[in-house]
Every structure is written in structure tokens, then in C-alpha cells.
Protein backbone atom coordinates (compact mmCIF):
# COMPACT_ATOMS: atom_id res chain seq x y z
CA UNK A 1 0.00 0.00 0.00
CA UNK A 2 1.31 3.46 -0.90
CA UNK A 3 2.46 5.56 2.10
CA UNK A 4 -0.07 8.37 1.53
CA UNK A 5 -2.92 5.87 1.14
CA UNK A 6 -1.79 4.08 4.30
CA UNK A 7 -1.67 7.38 6.18
CA UNK A 8 -5.17 8.29 4.98
CA UNK A 9 -6.47 4.85 6.02
CA UNK A 10 -4.90 5.19 9.48
CA UNK A 11 -6.35 8.68 9.94
CA UNK A 12 -9.80 7.39 8.91
CA UNK A 13 -9.60 4.60 11.47
CA UNK A 14 -8.50 7.07 14.16
CA UNK A 15 -11.38 9.38 13.29
CA UNK A 16 -13.90 6.53 13.51
CA UNK A 17 -12.44 5.42 16.86
CA UNK A 18 -12.69 8.94 18.32
CA UNK A 19 -16.19 9.30 16.91
CA UNK A 20 -17.30 6.05 18.55
CA UNK A 21 -15.95 7.19 21.91
CA UNK A 22 -18.68 9.82 21.86
CA UNK A 23 -21.34 7.30 20.84
CA UNK A 24 -23.66 6.61 23.75
CA UNK A 25 -27.09 5.06 23.74
CA UNK A 26 -30.01 7.39 24.37
CA UNK A 27 -31.83 4.91 26.61
CA UNK A 28 -34.72 7.21 27.48
CA UNK A 29 -35.73 7.56 23.83
CA UNK A 30 -35.48 3.92 22.79
CA UNK A 31 -38.79 2.55 21.48
CA UNK A 32 -41.25 1.50 24.17
CA UNK A 33 -42.29 -1.48 22.07
CA UNK A 34 -40.24 -3.80 19.86
CA UNK A 35 -40.88 -5.24 16.42
CA UNK A 36 -42.12 -8.41 18.11
CA UNK A 37 -44.78 -6.33 19.94
CA UNK A 38 -43.22 -6.69 23.38
CA UNK A 39 -42.73 -3.79 25.76
CA UNK A 40 -39.12 -2.92 26.55
CA UNK A 41 -37.46 -2.14 29.88
CA UNK A 42 -34.19 -0.35 30.59
CA UNK A 43 -32.53 -1.53 33.81
CA UNK A 44 -31.10 1.13 36.13
CA UNK A 45 -30.58 -0.64 39.48
CA UNK A 46 -29.74 -4.36 39.46
CA UNK A 47 -31.49 -6.78 41.80
CA UNK A 48 -29.47 -7.36 44.95
CA UNK A 49 -28.14 -3.80 45.03
CA UNK A 50 -28.46 -1.35 47.93
CA UNK A 51 -27.31 1.63 45.86
CA UNK A 52 -30.11 3.04 43.69
CA UNK A 53 -29.05 4.26 40.27
CA UNK A 54 -30.91 6.55 37.89
CA UNK A 55 -30.43 7.36 34.22
CA UNK A 56 -29.15 10.88 33.52
CA UNK A 57 -30.78 11.67 30.17
CA UNK A 58 -28.54 14.70 29.55
CA UNK A 59 -25.25 12.93 30.23
CA UNK A 60 -26.62 9.63 28.89
CA UNK A 61 -25.19 7.62 31.76
CA UNK A 62 -26.30 5.79 34.89
CA UNK A 63 -25.50 7.71 38.06
CA UNK A 64 -26.19 7.26 41.80
CA UNK A 65 -29.51 8.55 43.06
CA UNK A 66 -28.76 11.52 45.31
CA UNK A 67 -30.19 12.32 48.71
CA UNK A 68 -29.13 15.59 50.39
CA UNK A 69 -26.43 15.86 47.71
CA UNK A 70 -24.93 12.45 48.51
CA UNK A 71 -25.34 9.04 46.81
CA UNK A 72 -28.29 7.32 48.42
CA UNK A 73 -27.81 3.92 50.02
CA UNK A 74 -30.74 1.80 51.13
CA UNK A 75 -31.11 1.34 54.86
CA UNK A 76 -33.07 -1.79 54.13
CA UNK A 77 -32.86 -5.04 52.19
CA UNK A 78 -31.45 -4.94 48.63
CA UNK A 79 -33.68 -4.56 45.59
CA UNK A 80 -35.85 -7.69 45.10
CA UNK A 81 -35.81 -7.25 41.33
CA UNK A 82 -34.18 -5.20 38.59
CA UNK A 83 -35.65 -1.70 38.71
CA UNK A 84 -35.69 0.57 35.70
CA UNK A 85 -38.08 2.27 33.33
CA UNK A 86 -40.10 1.89 30.15
CA UNK A 87 -38.31 3.95 27.46
CA UNK A 88 -40.16 6.65 25.52
CA UNK A 89 -42.57 7.19 28.43
CA UNK A 90 -42.88 10.30 30.56
CA UNK A 91 -45.19 10.44 33.57
CA UNK A 92 -46.43 13.85 34.64
CA UNK A 93 -46.03 14.65 38.33
CA UNK A 94 -48.85 16.26 40.29
CA UNK A 95 -46.26 17.70 42.69
CA UNK A 96 -43.22 19.88 42.04
CA UNK A 97 -40.97 16.99 40.95
CA UNK A 98 -40.15 16.78 37.22
CA UNK A 99 -41.80 14.30 34.87
CA UNK A 100 -40.01 10.95 34.72
CA UNK A 101 -40.25 7.66 32.78
CA UNK A 102 -42.69 5.01 33.99
CA UNK A 103 -40.97 2.73 36.57
CA UNK A 104 -40.73 -1.02 36.06
CA UNK A 105 -39.48 -3.86 38.23
CA UNK A 106 -38.30 -6.90 36.26
CA UNK A 107 -38.30 -10.13 38.27
CA UNK A 108 -35.35 -12.25 37.12
CA UNK A 109 -31.65 -12.79 37.70
CA UNK A 110 -29.48 -9.72 38.16
CA UNK A 111 -29.12 -7.48 35.11
CA UNK A 112 -26.47 -4.80 34.69
CA UNK A 113 -27.41 -1.10 34.40
CA UNK A 114 -28.14 -0.32 30.77
CA UNK A 115 -29.53 -3.77 30.00
CA UNK A 116 -32.46 -3.50 27.59
CA UNK A 117 -34.84 -6.44 27.48
CA UNK A 118 -38.29 -7.35 26.25
CA UNK A 119 -40.78 -7.86 29.07
CA UNK A 120 -44.21 -9.26 29.88
CA UNK A 121 -46.04 -7.05 32.42
CA UNK A 122 -47.94 -9.16 34.96
CA UNK A 123 -49.34 -6.36 37.10
CA UNK A 124 -49.00 -2.87 38.51
CA UNK A 125 -48.18 -2.06 42.12
CA UNK A 126 -49.95 1.19 43.08
CA UNK A 127 -48.37 3.17 45.91
CA UNK A 128 -48.96 6.54 47.54
CA UNK A 129 -46.25 8.77 48.97
CA UNK A 130 -46.81 12.34 50.17
CA UNK A 131 -50.20 12.48 48.51
CA UNK A 132 -48.93 11.37 45.12
CA UNK A 133 -49.67 8.05 43.43
CA UNK A 134 -46.81 6.00 42.05
CA UNK A 135 -47.32 3.11 39.64
CA UNK A 136 -44.65 0.42 39.35
CA UNK A 137 -45.09 -2.00 36.46
CA UNK A 138 -44.14 -5.50 37.65
CA UNK A 139 -42.87 -7.70 34.83
CA UNK A 140 -40.89 -10.78 33.86
CA UNK A 141 -38.60 -11.16 30.82
CA UNK A 142 -40.43 -12.11 27.63
CA UNK A 143 -37.74 -14.68 26.83
CA UNK A 144 -38.51 -17.91 28.78
CA UNK A 145 -34.80 -18.69 29.21
CA UNK A 146 -34.41 -15.48 31.25
CA UNK A 147 -37.38 -16.13 33.53
CA UNK A 148 -37.00 -17.29 37.13
CA UNK A 149 -40.77 -17.26 37.65
CA UNK A 150 -43.23 -17.68 34.79
CA UNK A 151 -46.62 -16.03 35.40
CA UNK A 152 -48.59 -15.32 32.24
CA UNK A 153 -51.16 -12.94 33.78
CA UNK A 154 -51.96 -11.09 36.98
CA UNK A 155 -54.37 -13.79 38.13
CA UNK A 156 -51.70 -16.45 37.47
CA UNK A 157 -49.13 -14.33 39.32
CA UNK A 158 -51.47 -13.96 42.31
CA UNK A 159 -52.39 -17.64 42.38
CA UNK A 160 -48.93 -19.16 41.89
CA UNK A 161 -46.69 -16.56 43.53
CA UNK A 162 -48.59 -14.93 46.42
CA UNK A 163 -45.41 -14.80 48.51
CA UNK A 164 -43.65 -12.80 45.77
CA UNK A 165 -46.48 -10.25 45.80
CA UNK A 166 -46.26 -9.99 49.57
CA UNK A 167 -42.47 -9.51 49.48
CA UNK A 168 -42.73 -6.77 46.84
CA UNK A 169 -45.43 -4.94 48.81
CA UNK A 170 -43.44 -5.01 52.02
CA UNK A 171 -40.23 -3.98 50.31
CA UNK A 172 -41.73 -0.92 48.62
CA UNK A 173 -43.60 0.09 51.77
CA UNK A 174 -40.45 -0.03 53.90
CA UNK A 175 -37.48 0.68 51.61
CA UNK A 176 -37.35 4.39 52.46
CA UNK A 177 -38.33 5.12 56.09
CA UNK A 178 -38.08 8.88 55.48
CA UNK A 179 -40.90 8.71 52.95
CA UNK A 180 -43.93 6.95 54.45
CA UNK A 181 -45.56 4.94 51.67
CA UNK A 182 -49.01 3.35 51.54
CA UNK A 183 -50.28 0.47 49.43
CA UNK A 184 -53.20 1.51 47.25
CA UNK A 185 -53.58 -1.88 45.57
CA UNK A 186 -52.66 -3.95 42.56
CA UNK A 187 -53.83 -3.76 38.94
CA UNK A 188 -53.69 -6.43 36.26
CA UNK A 189 -51.66 -6.81 33.06
CA UNK A 190 -54.34 -5.12 30.94
CA UNK A 191 -54.14 -2.07 33.17
CA UNK A 192 -50.35 -2.18 32.76
CA UNK A 193 -50.70 -2.11 28.97
CA UNK A 194 -53.07 0.86 29.13
CA UNK A 195 -50.83 2.67 31.61
CA UNK A 196 -47.79 2.32 29.37
CA UNK A 197 -49.77 3.42 26.32
CA UNK A 198 -51.04 6.44 28.26
CA UNK A 199 -47.53 7.73 28.97
CA UNK A 200 -45.79 6.85 25.70
CA UNK A 201 -44.67 10.10 24.09
């Protein structure tokens, strides 16, 4: 190869490498639904963690959730599932807090922050904190090989895994003692579908 052509080729490779260093996934604006008609979830905090993470949409990275300016650490048991959000959703707040993506808890083995997976919603946990309702979509992976439990509906989830429901309720009610939280109830998978559709942008 001629020297000038080699130099040009090397410079092109260097340019592409530098360009890719700036390539980061815009997780918040990924499609909410895939080509196979499954909802998607983006994982922020892995199951088993005591350090909540959130996605910084401006910096496009996963960062510690802050409390009084410091990274928050749970003073409770670790996350019972992989918590994250449904991309391309934005839930309006009735209080002064900014709008945020719809939360989801995916029940399966630990997933790293930034994992994107297809899910099957099996219900919605409805909570109330400081006069504001919070809906958490509870789901399992759509791929059977990734499932640790295999409910196919809310009624199936309630019938076969009542202890899981009880654990999730107690965890969310007690995970943050500084923010008293009340259980408002559960909704089924059809409600979950409508809820996601309601907040898709």
C-alpha cells in the first residue's frame, strides 16, 4: 500500500475510533415497544443492590440517586428485582418533581445497568407517597430462558406466587423510612398495557 494511502487509512480509522468514543445510547428515547410487539425495559438498578441508580438523560449515563447531595444507600434489604423504566414514556407529576419515565421492576436474575430487554407485564403495584400516586409495572422477561418465575397474567401471578407479591409490597412500603408509603392496591396486566400506552410520548 502506498504511504499516503496508508496514512489516509490510518487517519480514517483514528477518526472513527474517536467518533465512537462519543457514541452513547439514548436509553430514554429507545422505542417502548419492539418489532415483536413486546414492551421494553431499561434496567437502572440491578437486583441485589443497595445503591439506587438513575439514568441521567442529559449525560446519557447511569449515576447514583442523590439524597441531600450524597449518593443514596438503602437502609433496608437490597432490591428484590431489577428496577428501571419503560423507554419513551414520561409520567407527569402532580407535585413539584419533574416528569419521569414510567418505573418497572423486572423479576429475574441480576441485570447490569443499561440492560435493555423485552418484558411481559404481569401487574402494577400502586403506591402513595406524600399524597402522590406512584405506579410500578411489575414484569418478567419475555424470553422464557431469562425467567426465574413464569406467570402469564396477573391472576396467574397472584395464584402461583402470592409470597412474591407480599415480598414486593413489604419492600416498597419499607425501603425508604423517610418517605412513608401506603399500598393503594394492585392492577392487572391489561391495566399495565393501558398505563404504558397512556404515557408513551
